[in-house]
Amino acid sequence: KEVNDRLRAFVAANKTMGDVAPGIVAAAAKFVGFELNEDQKEALRAAAGNRFTVITGGPGTGKTTTVCAILRALLKGHADWTEKDIALAAPTGRAAQRMSEAILDQCAGLNGERIVDIAGKLEGSTVHRLLGGYAPNWKHNEKNQLEKKVVIVDETSMVDIYLMHALIAALKENCFCCPMCLIQLNVFSFSFYH
């Protein structure tokens, strides 16, 4: 119930990415040599309209590519944002490292875009390291929230309810959060609506 209540408050505070124009979102769906498929575009549009978007899909269905497109849209819409405004996290250090590398690989061909430089500086961490410790003594919590504008969490199916509660409590209401999890379905996105 506490996670549900916090999510509702988080989503109700501000339902959009901010001032990211629809044209920027559409351009973010185009990569060198390919374009996002319709399910991925739907996820990108959902993320553009909501502060909390969950992206799910089986192996190789394009979750990381979709996240790269979301980051592109955010960075094009917010020229003052840097790598310090973005957190990449996962339940394990290895998963966090893989996510950082995958986002960098996906963005590598986008010559001249800020995302390439910023992706090279992004360093994934465990959710515990992002929060600064272990329960119940988190450094970042509802009283000392993370100074991040974007938090991307990979493999959230491995995050238990207590850790998810701590993470959500540590997010400022103007933060954009995108948890990803692996399930054996096609890529789809849904947003938590109030």
N, C-alpha and C. Protein backbone atom coordinates (compact mmCIF):
# COMPACT_ATOMS: atom_id res chain seq x y z
N LYS A 1 0.82 -1.19 0.00
CA LYS A 1 0.00 0.00 0.00
C LYS A 1 0.86 1.25 0.00
N GLU A 2 1.95 1.27 0.77
CA GLU A 2 2.81 2.45 0.79
C GLU A 2 3.45 2.72 -0.57
N VAL A 3 3.86 1.67 -1.28
CA VAL A 3 4.43 1.84 -2.61
C VAL A 3 3.37 2.40 -3.54
N ASN A 4 2.16 1.86 -3.50
CA ASN A 4 1.07 2.34 -4.31
C ASN A 4 0.77 3.81 -4.02
N ASP A 5 0.69 4.17 -2.74
CA ASP A 5 0.40 5.55 -2.36
C ASP A 5 1.50 6.49 -2.84
N ARG A 6 2.74 6.08 -2.69
CA ARG A 6 3.86 6.92 -3.12
C ARG A 6 3.86 7.08 -4.65
N LEU A 7 3.59 5.99 -5.37
CA LEU A 7 3.52 6.08 -6.83
C LEU A 7 2.41 7.03 -7.26
N ARG A 8 1.27 6.94 -6.62
CA ARG A 8 0.16 7.83 -6.97
C ARG A 8 0.54 9.29 -6.73
N ALA A 9 1.18 9.58 -5.62
CA ALA A 9 1.60 10.95 -5.33
C ALA A 9 2.67 11.40 -6.32
N PHE A 10 3.59 10.52 -6.64
CA PHE A 10 4.67 10.81 -7.57
C PHE A 10 4.12 11.15 -8.94
N VAL A 11 3.21 10.34 -9.43
CA VAL A 11 2.63 10.53 -10.76
C VAL A 11 1.71 11.75 -10.79
N ALA A 12 0.96 11.96 -9.73
CA ALA A 12 0.02 13.09 -9.70
C ALA A 12 0.75 14.43 -9.66
N ALA A 13 1.97 14.47 -9.16
CA ALA A 13 2.70 15.73 -9.02
C ALA A 13 2.98 16.40 -10.35
N ASN A 14 3.33 15.63 -11.35
CA ASN A 14 3.64 16.20 -12.66
C ASN A 14 3.64 15.05 -13.65
N LYS A 15 2.77 15.09 -14.63
CA LYS A 15 2.57 13.93 -15.49
C LYS A 15 3.39 13.94 -16.78
N THR A 16 4.26 14.90 -17.00
CA THR A 16 4.99 14.93 -18.25
C THR A 16 6.49 15.05 -18.04
N MET A 17 7.24 14.85 -19.11
CA MET A 17 8.69 15.01 -19.09
C MET A 17 9.06 16.47 -18.95
N GLY A 18 8.13 17.35 -19.07
CA GLY A 18 8.44 18.77 -19.08
C GLY A 18 8.18 19.33 -20.46
N ASP A 19 9.00 20.24 -20.88
CA ASP A 19 8.80 20.92 -22.15
C ASP A 19 9.51 20.21 -23.29
N VAL A 20 9.17 18.96 -23.53
CA VAL A 20 9.73 18.22 -24.66
C VAL A 20 8.66 18.21 -25.75
N ALA A 21 8.95 18.91 -26.83
CA ALA A 21 7.99 19.07 -27.92
C ALA A 21 7.74 17.74 -28.61
N PRO A 22 6.53 17.53 -29.14
CA PRO A 22 6.22 16.29 -29.87
C PRO A 22 7.18 16.01 -31.02
N GLY A 23 7.67 17.06 -31.68
CA GLY A 23 8.62 16.88 -32.78
C GLY A 23 9.93 16.27 -32.30
N ILE A 24 10.35 16.66 -31.10
CA ILE A 24 11.58 16.10 -30.51
C ILE A 24 11.37 14.63 -30.20
N VAL A 25 10.20 14.31 -29.67
CA VAL A 25 9.89 12.91 -29.36
C VAL A 25 9.88 12.07 -30.63
N ALA A 26 9.27 12.59 -31.69
CA ALA A 26 9.22 11.86 -32.97
C ALA A 26 10.63 11.67 -33.54
N ALA A 27 11.46 12.70 -33.47
CA ALA A 27 12.83 12.60 -33.98
C ALA A 27 13.65 11.60 -33.18
N ALA A 28 13.38 11.48 -31.89
CA ALA A 28 14.13 10.55 -31.03
C ALA A 28 13.87 9.10 -31.40
N ALA A 29 12.79 8.83 -32.13
CA ALA A 29 12.46 7.46 -32.54
C ALA A 29 13.25 7.01 -33.76
N LYS A 30 14.00 7.93 -34.38
CA LYS A 30 14.76 7.60 -35.59
C LYS A 30 16.24 7.46 -35.26
N PHE A 31 16.77 6.31 -35.58
CA PHE A 31 18.19 6.01 -35.38
C PHE A 31 18.86 5.87 -36.74
N VAL A 32 20.16 5.73 -36.74
CA VAL A 32 20.90 5.53 -37.98
C VAL A 32 20.57 4.14 -38.52
N GLY A 33 19.92 4.08 -39.67
CA GLY A 33 19.62 2.81 -40.31
C GLY A 33 18.33 2.14 -39.88
N PHE A 34 17.65 2.66 -38.90
CA PHE A 34 16.37 2.06 -38.50
C PHE A 34 15.55 3.06 -37.69
N GLU A 35 14.30 2.69 -37.47
CA GLU A 35 13.40 3.49 -36.67
C GLU A 35 12.73 2.57 -35.66
N LEU A 36 12.34 3.11 -34.52
CA LEU A 36 11.64 2.29 -33.53
C LEU A 36 10.39 1.67 -34.14
N ASN A 37 10.05 0.46 -33.68
CA ASN A 37 8.80 -0.15 -34.14
C ASN A 37 7.63 0.51 -33.41
N GLU A 38 6.42 0.15 -33.78
CA GLU A 38 5.23 0.81 -33.23
C GLU A 38 5.11 0.64 -31.71
N ASP A 39 5.45 -0.54 -31.20
CA ASP A 39 5.38 -0.76 -29.76
C ASP A 39 6.39 0.13 -29.03
N GLN A 40 7.59 0.26 -29.59
CA GLN A 40 8.61 1.10 -28.99
C GLN A 40 8.21 2.57 -29.04
N LYS A 41 7.61 2.98 -30.17
CA LYS A 41 7.14 4.37 -30.29
C LYS A 41 6.04 4.64 -29.26
N GLU A 42 5.18 3.65 -29.05
CA GLU A 42 4.14 3.80 -28.03
C GLU A 42 4.76 3.98 -26.65
N ALA A 43 5.81 3.22 -26.36
CA ALA A 43 6.51 3.37 -25.08
C ALA A 43 7.14 4.74 -24.96
N LEU A 44 7.75 5.22 -26.03
CA LEU A 44 8.37 6.55 -26.04
C LEU A 44 7.31 7.63 -25.80
N ARG A 45 6.18 7.53 -26.47
CA ARG A 45 5.11 8.51 -26.27
C ARG A 45 4.55 8.43 -24.85
N ALA A 46 4.42 7.21 -24.33
CA ALA A 46 3.94 7.06 -22.95
C ALA A 46 4.91 7.72 -21.98
N ALA A 47 6.19 7.53 -22.21
CA ALA A 47 7.20 8.14 -21.35
C ALA A 47 7.17 9.66 -21.47
N ALA A 48 6.88 10.16 -22.67
CA ALA A 48 6.83 11.61 -22.87
C ALA A 48 5.65 12.23 -22.13
N GLY A 49 4.63 11.43 -21.86
CA GLY A 49 3.44 11.96 -21.21
C GLY A 49 3.30 11.61 -19.74
N ASN A 50 4.28 10.92 -19.18
CA ASN A 50 4.15 10.46 -17.80
C ASN A 50 5.50 10.44 -17.10
N ARG A 51 5.49 10.70 -15.82
CA ARG A 51 6.73 10.69 -15.04
C ARG A 51 7.20 9.28 -14.70
N PHE A 52 6.32 8.33 -14.72
CA PHE A 52 6.68 6.97 -14.34
C PHE A 52 6.19 6.04 -15.42
N THR A 53 7.11 5.41 -16.14
CA THR A 53 6.76 4.52 -17.23
C THR A 53 7.51 3.20 -17.05
N VAL A 54 6.81 2.10 -17.15
CA VAL A 54 7.42 0.78 -17.05
C VAL A 54 7.55 0.21 -18.46
N ILE A 55 8.73 -0.28 -18.78
CA ILE A 55 8.97 -0.89 -20.09
C ILE A 55 9.31 -2.35 -19.86
N THR A 56 8.58 -3.22 -20.52
CA THR A 56 8.81 -4.65 -20.36
C THR A 56 8.98 -5.30 -21.72
N GLY A 57 9.60 -6.46 -21.74
CA GLY A 57 9.75 -7.19 -22.99
C GLY A 57 10.73 -8.32 -22.83
N GLY A 58 10.66 -9.26 -23.71
CA GLY A 58 11.58 -10.39 -23.69
C GLY A 58 12.96 -10.00 -24.19
N PRO A 59 13.90 -10.94 -24.19
CA PRO A 59 15.26 -10.65 -24.66
C PRO A 59 15.24 -10.20 -26.13
N GLY A 60 15.98 -9.13 -26.41
CA GLY A 60 16.12 -8.68 -27.79
C GLY A 60 14.92 -7.96 -28.38
N THR A 61 13.98 -7.55 -27.55
CA THR A 61 12.78 -6.89 -28.08
C THR A 61 12.91 -5.38 -28.15
N GLY A 62 14.02 -4.82 -27.66
CA GLY A 62 14.26 -3.39 -27.84
C GLY A 62 14.05 -2.50 -26.65
N LYS A 63 14.12 -3.06 -25.44
CA LYS A 63 13.95 -2.23 -24.25
C LYS A 63 15.05 -1.18 -24.15
N THR A 64 16.30 -1.58 -24.35
CA THR A 64 17.41 -0.65 -24.23
C THR A 64 17.35 0.40 -25.34
N THR A 65 16.99 0.01 -26.54
CA THR A 65 16.85 0.96 -27.64
C THR A 65 15.77 1.99 -27.30
N THR A 66 14.67 1.54 -26.71
CA THR A 66 13.60 2.43 -26.31
C THR A 66 14.07 3.41 -25.24
N VAL A 67 14.83 2.90 -24.28
CA VAL A 67 15.37 3.77 -23.23
C VAL A 67 16.33 4.80 -23.84
N CYS A 68 17.14 4.39 -24.78
CA CYS A 68 18.03 5.31 -25.47
C CYS A 68 17.22 6.42 -26.15
N ALA A 69 16.12 6.06 -26.78
CA ALA A 69 15.26 7.06 -27.43
C ALA A 69 14.65 8.01 -26.40
N ILE A 70 14.25 7.48 -25.26
CA ILE A 70 13.71 8.32 -24.18
C ILE A 70 14.77 9.31 -23.71
N LEU A 71 15.99 8.82 -23.50
CA LEU A 71 17.08 9.71 -23.08
C LEU A 71 17.36 10.77 -24.14
N ARG A 72 17.34 10.37 -25.41
CA ARG A 72 17.55 11.34 -26.50
C ARG A 72 16.50 12.45 -26.43
N ALA A 73 15.25 12.07 -26.28
CA ALA A 73 14.18 13.06 -26.23
C ALA A 73 14.36 13.99 -25.03
N LEU A 74 14.67 13.43 -23.89
CA LEU A 74 14.87 14.25 -22.69
C LEU A 74 16.04 15.21 -22.86
N LEU A 75 17.15 14.72 -23.39
CA LEU A 75 18.33 15.57 -23.54
C LEU A 75 18.14 16.64 -24.61
N LYS A 76 17.40 16.32 -25.68
CA LYS A 76 17.11 17.34 -26.68
C LYS A 76 16.16 18.40 -26.13
N GLY A 77 15.27 18.00 -25.27
CA GLY A 77 14.30 18.93 -24.69
C GLY A 77 14.83 19.72 -23.52
N HIS A 78 15.94 19.28 -22.95
CA HIS A 78 16.52 19.94 -21.77
C HIS A 78 18.02 20.11 -21.99
N ALA A 79 18.39 21.16 -22.68
CA ALA A 79 19.79 21.38 -23.06
C ALA A 79 20.72 21.55 -21.87
N ASP A 80 20.18 21.92 -20.72
CA ASP A 80 21.03 22.14 -19.54
C ASP A 80 21.30 20.86 -18.74
N TRP A 81 20.67 19.76 -19.09
CA TRP A 81 20.89 18.52 -18.35
C TRP A 81 22.24 17.90 -18.73
N THR A 82 22.87 17.26 -17.75
CA THR A 82 24.15 16.59 -17.97
C THR A 82 24.04 15.15 -17.46
N GLU A 83 25.14 14.42 -17.56
CA GLU A 83 25.17 13.04 -17.05
C GLU A 83 24.90 12.99 -15.55
N LYS A 84 25.16 14.06 -14.83
CA LYS A 84 24.92 14.09 -13.38
C LYS A 84 23.44 14.10 -13.04
N ASP A 85 22.61 14.43 -14.03
CA ASP A 85 21.16 14.45 -13.83
C ASP A 85 20.51 13.09 -14.08
N ILE A 86 21.30 12.12 -14.54
CA ILE A 86 20.76 10.82 -14.95
C ILE A 86 21.39 9.71 -14.12
N ALA A 87 20.57 8.82 -13.61
CA ALA A 87 21.06 7.65 -12.87
C ALA A 87 20.63 6.38 -13.59
N LEU A 88 21.58 5.47 -13.73
CA LEU A 88 21.29 4.13 -14.24
C LEU A 88 21.53 3.17 -13.10
N ALA A 89 20.57 2.32 -12.82
CA ALA A 89 20.72 1.39 -11.70
C ALA A 89 20.11 0.04 -12.05
N ALA A 90 20.55 -0.96 -11.32
CA ALA A 90 20.04 -2.33 -11.47
C ALA A 90 20.26 -3.03 -10.13
N PRO A 91 19.61 -4.18 -9.94
CA PRO A 91 19.77 -4.90 -8.67
C PRO A 91 21.20 -5.40 -8.42
N THR A 92 21.94 -5.70 -9.49
CA THR A 92 23.30 -6.21 -9.32
C THR A 92 24.28 -5.31 -10.07
N GLY A 93 25.53 -5.33 -9.64
CA GLY A 93 26.56 -4.54 -10.29
C GLY A 93 26.77 -4.95 -11.73
N ARG A 94 26.73 -6.24 -11.98
CA ARG A 94 26.92 -6.73 -13.34
C ARG A 94 25.81 -6.25 -14.27
N ALA A 95 24.58 -6.32 -13.80
CA ALA A 95 23.45 -5.85 -14.60
C ALA A 95 23.55 -4.35 -14.86
N ALA A 96 24.00 -3.59 -13.86
CA ALA A 96 24.16 -2.15 -14.03
C ALA A 96 25.23 -1.84 -15.07
N GLN A 97 26.32 -2.57 -15.03
CA GLN A 97 27.40 -2.38 -15.99
C GLN A 97 26.93 -2.74 -17.41
N ARG A 98 26.21 -3.85 -17.53
CA ARG A 98 25.68 -4.25 -18.85
C ARG A 98 24.75 -3.18 -19.42
N MET A 99 23.91 -2.60 -18.56
CA MET A 99 22.99 -1.58 -19.03
C MET A 99 23.77 -0.35 -19.52
N SER A 100 24.76 0.09 -18.77
CA SER A 100 25.58 1.24 -19.19
C SER A 100 26.22 0.97 -20.55
N GLU A 101 26.79 -0.20 -20.70
CA GLU A 101 27.45 -0.56 -21.96
C GLU A 101 26.45 -0.66 -23.10
N ALA A 102 25.29 -1.23 -22.85
CA ALA A 102 24.27 -1.39 -23.89
C ALA A 102 23.74 -0.04 -24.36
N ILE A 103 23.53 0.89 -23.44
CA ILE A 103 23.06 2.22 -23.82
C ILE A 103 24.14 2.93 -24.63
N LEU A 104 25.39 2.82 -24.21
CA LEU A 104 26.49 3.43 -24.95
C LEU A 104 26.59 2.83 -26.36
N ASP A 105 26.51 1.50 -26.46
CA ASP A 105 26.56 0.84 -27.77
C ASP A 105 25.41 1.29 -28.67
N GLN A 106 24.22 1.39 -28.11
CA GLN A 106 23.05 1.77 -28.89
C GLN A 106 23.16 3.21 -29.40
N CYS A 107 23.78 4.07 -28.62
CA CYS A 107 23.88 5.48 -28.98
C CYS A 107 25.11 5.81 -29.81
N ALA A 108 26.02 4.86 -29.96
CA ALA A 108 27.32 5.11 -30.59
C ALA A 108 27.21 5.68 -32.00
N GLY A 109 26.22 5.28 -32.77
CA GLY A 109 26.11 5.74 -34.15
C GLY A 109 25.43 7.08 -34.33
N LEU A 110 25.06 7.72 -33.24
CA LEU A 110 24.33 8.99 -33.32
C LEU A 110 25.31 10.17 -33.27
N ASN A 111 26.19 10.21 -34.23
CA ASN A 111 27.24 11.23 -34.27
C ASN A 111 26.67 12.64 -34.16
N GLY A 112 27.34 13.44 -33.37
CA GLY A 112 26.95 14.84 -33.23
C GLY A 112 25.85 15.10 -32.21
N GLU A 113 25.28 14.05 -31.63
CA GLU A 113 24.22 14.25 -30.63
C GLU A 113 24.80 14.21 -29.22
N ARG A 114 24.23 15.01 -28.34
CA ARG A 114 24.69 15.06 -26.94
C ARG A 114 24.61 13.70 -26.26
N ILE A 115 23.64 12.88 -26.66
CA ILE A 115 23.45 11.58 -26.03
C ILE A 115 24.72 10.73 -26.12
N VAL A 116 25.49 10.87 -27.20
CA VAL A 116 26.70 10.06 -27.37
C VAL A 116 27.71 10.42 -26.28
N ASP A 117 27.95 11.71 -26.08
CA ASP A 117 28.89 12.16 -25.06
C ASP A 117 28.40 11.79 -23.66
N ILE A 118 27.14 12.04 -23.41
CA ILE A 118 26.59 11.77 -22.08
C ILE A 118 26.54 10.27 -21.80
N ALA A 119 26.15 9.46 -22.79
CA ALA A 119 26.10 8.00 -22.59
C ALA A 119 27.48 7.46 -22.22
N GLY A 120 28.53 8.06 -22.78
CA GLY A 120 29.89 7.63 -22.46
C GLY A 120 30.30 7.94 -21.03
N LYS A 121 29.61 8.86 -20.41
CA LYS A 121 29.92 9.25 -19.04
C LYS A 121 28.99 8.61 -18.00
N LEU A 122 27.92 7.98 -18.47
CA LEU A 122 26.97 7.35 -17.54
C LEU A 122 27.59 6.09 -16.95
N GLU A 123 27.45 5.96 -15.67
CA GLU A 123 27.99 4.79 -14.99
C GLU A 123 26.87 4.15 -14.18
N GLY A 124 26.52 2.93 -14.51
CA GLY A 124 25.47 2.24 -13.78
C GLY A 124 25.92 1.89 -12.38
N SER A 125 24.97 1.78 -11.49
CA SER A 125 25.27 1.36 -10.11
C SER A 125 24.17 0.42 -9.64
N THR A 126 24.42 -0.22 -8.54
CA THR A 126 23.35 -1.02 -7.95
C THR A 126 22.33 -0.05 -7.35
N VAL A 127 21.12 -0.52 -7.16
CA VAL A 127 20.09 0.31 -6.53
C VAL A 127 20.54 0.67 -5.11
N HIS A 128 21.17 -0.27 -4.42
CA HIS A 128 21.66 0.00 -3.07
C HIS A 128 22.69 1.13 -3.07
N ARG A 129 23.62 1.09 -4.02
CA ARG A 129 24.64 2.15 -4.09
C ARG A 129 23.99 3.49 -4.45
N LEU A 130 23.02 3.48 -5.36
CA LEU A 130 22.31 4.70 -5.72
C LEU A 130 21.65 5.32 -4.49
N LEU A 131 21.03 4.48 -3.69
CA LEU A 131 20.35 4.96 -2.48
C LEU A 131 21.32 5.25 -1.34
N GLY A 132 22.53 4.76 -1.44
CA GLY A 132 23.54 5.06 -0.43
C GLY A 132 23.46 4.18 0.80
N GLY A 133 23.58 2.88 0.65
CA GLY A 133 23.64 2.01 1.82
C GLY A 133 22.65 0.88 1.78
N TYR A 134 22.15 0.54 2.95
CA TYR A 134 21.22 -0.58 3.11
C TYR A 134 20.11 -0.18 4.07
N ALA A 135 18.98 -0.84 3.94
CA ALA A 135 17.83 -0.56 4.80
C ALA A 135 18.20 -0.85 6.24
N PRO A 136 17.67 -0.14 7.17
CA PRO A 136 16.79 1.03 7.02
C PRO A 136 17.56 2.35 6.98
N ASN A 137 18.86 2.30 6.85
CA ASN A 137 19.70 3.51 6.95
C ASN A 137 20.13 4.04 5.59
N TRP A 138 19.17 4.27 4.70
CA TRP A 138 19.48 4.80 3.38
C TRP A 138 19.96 6.23 3.50
N LYS A 139 20.99 6.58 2.76
CA LYS A 139 21.44 7.97 2.68
C LYS A 139 20.37 8.81 1.98
N HIS A 140 19.83 8.25 0.89
CA HIS A 140 18.78 8.95 0.15
C HIS A 140 17.43 8.33 0.49
N ASN A 141 16.52 9.17 0.92
CA ASN A 141 15.19 8.73 1.33
C ASN A 141 14.23 9.89 1.12
N GLU A 142 13.05 9.80 1.72
CA GLU A 142 12.06 10.86 1.50
C GLU A 142 12.50 12.21 2.08
N LYS A 143 13.43 12.20 3.02
CA LYS A 143 13.92 13.46 3.61
C LYS A 143 15.20 13.96 2.93
N ASN A 144 15.90 13.12 2.24
CA ASN A 144 17.14 13.47 1.53
C ASN A 144 17.09 12.80 0.16
N GLN A 145 16.29 13.37 -0.72
CA GLN A 145 16.02 12.72 -2.01
C GLN A 145 17.18 12.87 -2.98
N LEU A 146 17.19 11.97 -3.94
CA LEU A 146 18.22 11.97 -4.98
C LEU A 146 18.16 13.26 -5.80
N GLU A 147 19.31 13.78 -6.16
CA GLU A 147 19.40 14.97 -7.01
C GLU A 147 19.49 14.53 -8.47
N LYS A 148 18.51 13.78 -8.92
CA LYS A 148 18.48 13.25 -10.28
C LYS A 148 17.19 13.69 -10.95
N LYS A 149 17.30 13.91 -12.25
CA LYS A 149 16.11 14.26 -13.03
C LYS A 149 15.56 13.05 -13.76
N VAL A 150 16.42 12.04 -13.97
CA VAL A 150 16.03 10.81 -14.65
C VAL A 150 16.65 9.63 -13.90
N VAL A 151 15.84 8.63 -13.62
CA VAL A 151 16.34 7.39 -13.02
C VAL A 151 15.83 6.23 -13.87
N ILE A 152 16.78 5.46 -14.42
CA ILE A 152 16.45 4.29 -15.23
C ILE A 152 16.89 3.07 -14.42
N VAL A 153 15.99 2.16 -14.17
CA VAL A 153 16.31 0.97 -13.40
C VAL A 153 16.05 -0.26 -14.26
N ASP A 154 17.08 -1.05 -14.47
CA ASP A 154 16.97 -2.26 -15.28
C ASP A 154 16.70 -3.46 -14.37
N GLU A 155 16.12 -4.49 -14.95
CA GLU A 155 15.84 -5.75 -14.26
C GLU A 155 15.06 -5.55 -12.97
N THR A 156 14.02 -4.72 -13.05
CA THR A 156 13.23 -4.44 -11.86
C THR A 156 12.43 -5.65 -11.38
N SER A 157 12.32 -6.67 -12.21
CA SER A 157 11.64 -7.88 -11.75
C SER A 157 12.43 -8.53 -10.61
N MET A 158 13.70 -8.16 -10.47
CA MET A 158 14.53 -8.69 -9.38
C MET A 158 14.55 -7.78 -8.16
N VAL A 159 13.85 -6.65 -8.22
CA VAL A 159 13.82 -5.69 -7.11
C VAL A 159 12.63 -6.03 -6.22
N ASP A 160 12.90 -6.27 -4.94
CA ASP A 160 11.79 -6.60 -4.06
C ASP A 160 11.01 -5.33 -3.67
N ILE A 161 9.87 -5.53 -3.07
CA ILE A 161 8.96 -4.43 -2.76
C ILE A 161 9.58 -3.43 -1.78
N TYR A 162 10.41 -3.89 -0.87
CA TYR A 162 11.03 -3.00 0.12
C TYR A 162 12.06 -2.08 -0.54
N LEU A 163 12.85 -2.64 -1.46
CA LEU A 163 13.83 -1.83 -2.17
C LEU A 163 13.13 -0.87 -3.13
N MET A 164 12.06 -1.32 -3.79
CA MET A 164 11.31 -0.43 -4.68
C MET A 164 10.69 0.71 -3.88
N HIS A 165 10.18 0.41 -2.70
CA HIS A 165 9.61 1.46 -1.84
C HIS A 165 10.69 2.49 -1.49
N ALA A 166 11.87 2.03 -1.12
CA ALA A 166 12.96 2.94 -0.78
C ALA A 166 13.35 3.80 -1.97
N LEU A 167 13.40 3.19 -3.16
CA LEU A 167 13.77 3.93 -4.36
C LEU A 167 12.73 4.99 -4.68
N ILE A 168 11.47 4.64 -4.66
CA ILE A 168 10.41 5.59 -4.99
C ILE A 168 10.38 6.73 -3.96
N ALA A 169 10.60 6.41 -2.70
CA ALA A 169 10.63 7.45 -1.67
C ALA A 169 11.78 8.42 -1.89
N ALA A 170 12.87 7.96 -2.49
CA ALA A 170 14.05 8.81 -2.70
C ALA A 170 13.96 9.66 -3.97
N LEU A 171 12.91 9.48 -4.76
CA LEU A 171 12.77 10.25 -6.00
C LEU A 171 12.03 11.55 -5.74
N LYS A 172 12.59 12.63 -6.27
CA LYS A 172 11.88 13.91 -6.20
C LYS A 172 10.68 13.84 -7.13
N GLU A 173 9.68 14.65 -6.83
CA GLU A 173 8.46 14.60 -7.62
C GLU A 173 8.65 15.07 -9.05
N ASN A 174 9.73 15.79 -9.34
CA ASN A 174 9.97 16.23 -10.72
C ASN A 174 10.90 15.29 -11.47
N CYS A 175 11.22 14.15 -10.88
CA CYS A 175 12.10 13.16 -11.49
C CYS A 175 11.31 12.30 -12.47
N PHE A 176 11.97 11.88 -13.53
CA PHE A 176 11.39 10.95 -14.49
C PHE A 176 11.95 9.57 -14.18
N CYS A 177 11.11 8.58 -13.97
CA CYS A 177 11.57 7.24 -13.61
C CYS A 177 11.10 6.23 -14.65
N CYS A 178 12.03 5.37 -15.05
CA CYS A 178 11.72 4.37 -16.07
C CYS A 178 12.27 3.02 -15.65
N PRO A 179 11.49 2.23 -14.91
CA PRO A 179 11.95 0.88 -14.59
C PRO A 179 11.74 -0.06 -15.77
N MET A 180 12.68 -0.96 -15.98
CA MET A 180 12.57 -1.95 -17.05
C MET A 180 12.61 -3.33 -16.43
N CYS A 181 11.84 -4.23 -16.98
CA CYS A 181 11.93 -5.60 -16.51
C CYS A 181 11.77 -6.55 -17.69
N LEU A 182 12.26 -7.73 -17.49
CA LEU A 182 12.28 -8.74 -18.53
C LEU A 182 11.14 -9.73 -18.30
N ILE A 183 10.26 -9.80 -19.27
CA ILE A 183 9.23 -10.84 -19.26
C ILE A 183 9.13 -11.38 -20.68
N GLN A 184 8.53 -12.49 -20.83
CA GLN A 184 8.44 -13.12 -22.15
C GLN A 184 7.18 -12.65 -22.89
N LEU A 185 7.17 -11.39 -23.25
CA LEU A 185 6.09 -10.79 -24.03
C LEU A 185 6.71 -9.85 -25.04
N ASN A 186 5.92 -9.35 -25.96
CA ASN A 186 6.40 -8.30 -26.84
C ASN A 186 6.58 -7.03 -26.04
N VAL A 187 7.36 -6.09 -26.57
CA VAL A 187 7.56 -4.82 -25.88
C VAL A 187 6.22 -4.10 -25.78
N PHE A 188 5.92 -3.63 -24.63
CA PHE A 188 4.78 -2.75 -24.46
C PHE A 188 5.09 -1.84 -23.29
N SER A 189 4.36 -0.80 -23.17
CA SER A 189 4.59 0.15 -22.09
C SER A 189 3.26 0.49 -21.49
N PHE A 190 3.27 0.71 -20.22
CA PHE A 190 2.07 1.27 -19.61
C PHE A 190 2.54 2.25 -18.58
N SER A 191 1.71 3.18 -18.29
CA SER A 191 2.04 4.18 -17.30
C SER A 191 1.06 4.07 -16.16
N PHE A 192 1.51 4.40 -14.99
CA PHE A 192 0.68 4.35 -13.81
C PHE A 192 -0.17 5.62 -13.78
N TYR A 193 -1.46 5.47 -13.96
CA TYR A 193 -2.34 6.63 -14.00
C TYR A 193 -3.04 6.80 -12.67
N HIS A 194 -3.25 8.02 -12.29
CA HIS A 194 -3.94 8.35 -11.04
C HIS A 194 -5.43 8.45 -11.29
